[in-house]
Amino acid sequence: MYRHRLVISYKGTSYFGWQDLGASEQKPTVRASIHRALKIICKYQTCTISAASRTDAGVHAQG
């Protein structure tokens, strides 16, 4: 298993926070967007994401 560290920045205006809201919620979250991109990069292998912090809806993050 490989481990990688990513430092990300994003504009959270279009997102409903970091954490997934559950299968019944169809609102975009930062974690879901990053996970979707990593699945493509990792050729659809299993990817697990751990975060050092999280944000609320509409909040921007830098590093």
C-alpha atoms as a PDB file:
ATOM      1  CA  MET A   1       0.000   0.000   0.000  1.00  0.00           C
ATOM      2  CA  TYR A   2       1.252   3.475  -0.870  1.00  0.00           C
ATOM      3  CA  ARG A   3       0.666   6.582   1.200  1.00  0.00           C
ATOM      4  CA  HIS A   4       0.744  10.080  -0.189  1.00  0.00           C
ATOM      5  CA  ARG A   5       0.324  13.432   1.432  1.00  0.00           C
ATOM      6  CA  LEU A   6      -1.539  16.137  -0.443  1.00  0.00           C
ATOM      7  CA  VAL A   7      -1.783  19.751   0.605  1.00  0.00           C
ATOM      8  CA  ILE A   8      -4.814  21.264  -1.067  1.00  0.00           C
ATOM      9  CA  SER A   9      -6.498  24.625  -1.441  1.00  0.00           C
ATOM     10  CA  TYR A  10      -9.982  25.230  -2.753  1.00  0.00           C
ATOM     11  CA  LYS A  11     -12.762  27.763  -3.057  1.00  0.00           C
ATOM     12  CA  GLY A  12     -15.687  26.314  -1.166  1.00  0.00           C
ATOM     13  CA  THR A  13     -18.413  28.508  -2.615  1.00  0.00           C
ATOM     14  CA  SER A  14     -19.985  25.644  -4.588  1.00  0.00           C
ATOM     15  CA  TYR A  15     -19.515  22.990  -1.885  1.00  0.00           C
ATOM     16  CA  PHE A  16     -21.550  21.971   1.150  1.00  0.00           C
ATOM     17  CA  GLY A  17     -18.520  21.502   3.405  1.00  0.00           C
ATOM     18  CA  TRP A  18     -15.820  18.847   3.587  1.00  0.00           C
ATOM     19  CA  GLN A  19     -17.598  15.774   4.912  1.00  0.00           C
ATOM     20  CA  ASP A  20     -19.868  13.557   2.806  1.00  0.00           C
ATOM     21  CA  LEU A  21     -23.506  14.084   3.674  1.00  0.00           C
ATOM     22  CA  GLY A  22     -24.617  10.496   3.132  1.00  0.00           C
ATOM     23  CA  ALA A  23     -26.070   8.565   0.226  1.00  0.00           C
ATOM     24  CA  SER A  24     -29.445  10.319   0.432  1.00  0.00           C
ATOM     25  CA  GLU A  25     -27.866  13.760  -0.007  1.00  0.00           C
ATOM     26  CA  GLN A  26     -26.883  14.717  -3.539  1.00  0.00           C
ATOM     27  CA  LYS A  27     -25.019  17.892  -2.599  1.00  0.00           C
ATOM     28  CA  PRO A  28     -21.378  18.368  -3.693  1.00  0.00           C
ATOM     29  CA  THR A  29     -18.731  18.146  -0.970  1.00  0.00           C
ATOM     30  CA  VAL A  30     -15.004  18.752  -1.126  1.00  0.00           C
ATOM     31  CA  ARG A  31     -14.153  15.215   0.036  1.00  0.00           C
ATOM     32  CA  ALA A  32     -16.402  13.606  -2.587  1.00  0.00           C
ATOM     33  CA  SER A  33     -14.839  15.684  -5.372  1.00  0.00           C
ATOM     34  CA  ILE A  34     -11.291  14.835  -4.296  1.00  0.00           C
ATOM     35  CA  HIS A  35     -12.181  11.157  -3.877  1.00  0.00           C
ATOM     36  CA  ARG A  36     -13.720  11.039  -7.371  1.00  0.00           C
ATOM     37  CA  ALA A  37     -10.548  12.549  -8.881  1.00  0.00           C
ATOM     38  CA  LEU A  38      -8.245  10.202  -6.931  1.00  0.00           C
ATOM     39  CA  LYS A  39     -10.183   7.157  -8.136  1.00  0.00           C
ATOM     40  CA  ILE A  40      -9.443   8.203 -11.724  1.00  0.00           C
ATOM     41  CA  ILE A  41      -5.784   8.947 -10.972  1.00  0.00           C
ATOM     42  CA  CYS A  42      -5.395   5.620  -9.123  1.00  0.00           C
ATOM     43  CA  LYS A  43      -7.124   3.759 -11.970  1.00  0.00           C
ATOM     44  CA  TYR A  44     -10.160   2.923  -9.829  1.00  0.00           C
ATOM     45  CA  GLN A  45      -8.214   1.197  -7.076  1.00  0.00           C
ATOM     46  CA  THR A  46      -9.380   1.632  -3.507  1.00  0.00           C
ATOM     47  CA  CYS A  47      -8.488   5.073  -2.138  1.00  0.00           C
ATOM     48  CA  THR A  48      -8.925   6.190   1.461  1.00  0.00           C
ATOM     49  CA  ILE A  49      -8.864   9.843   2.422  1.00  0.00           C
ATOM     50  CA  SER A  50      -7.962  11.177   5.864  1.00  0.00           C
ATOM     51  CA  ALA A  51      -8.083  14.883   6.557  1.00  0.00           C
ATOM     52  CA  ALA A  52      -6.415  17.006   9.211  1.00  0.00           C
ATOM     53  CA  SER A  53      -9.371  19.380   9.314  1.00  0.00           C
ATOM     54  CA  ARG A  54     -12.702  20.067   7.705  1.00  0.00           C
ATOM     55  CA  THR A  55     -14.756  23.054   6.674  1.00  0.00           C
ATOM     56  CA  ASP A  56     -18.363  24.199   6.673  1.00  0.00           C
ATOM     57  CA  ALA A  57     -20.437  25.020   3.603  1.00  0.00           C
ATOM     58  CA  GLY A  58     -19.090  27.876   1.481  1.00  0.00           C
ATOM     59  CA  VAL A  59     -15.754  28.123   3.306  1.00  0.00           C
ATOM     60  CA  HIS A  60     -12.475  28.415   1.387  1.00  0.00           C
ATOM     61  CA  ALA A  61      -9.286  26.593   2.423  1.00  0.00           C
ATOM     62  CA  GLN A  62      -5.639  27.287   1.714  1.00  0.00           C
ATOM     63  CA  GLY A  63      -3.020  24.657   2.449  1.00  0.00           C
END
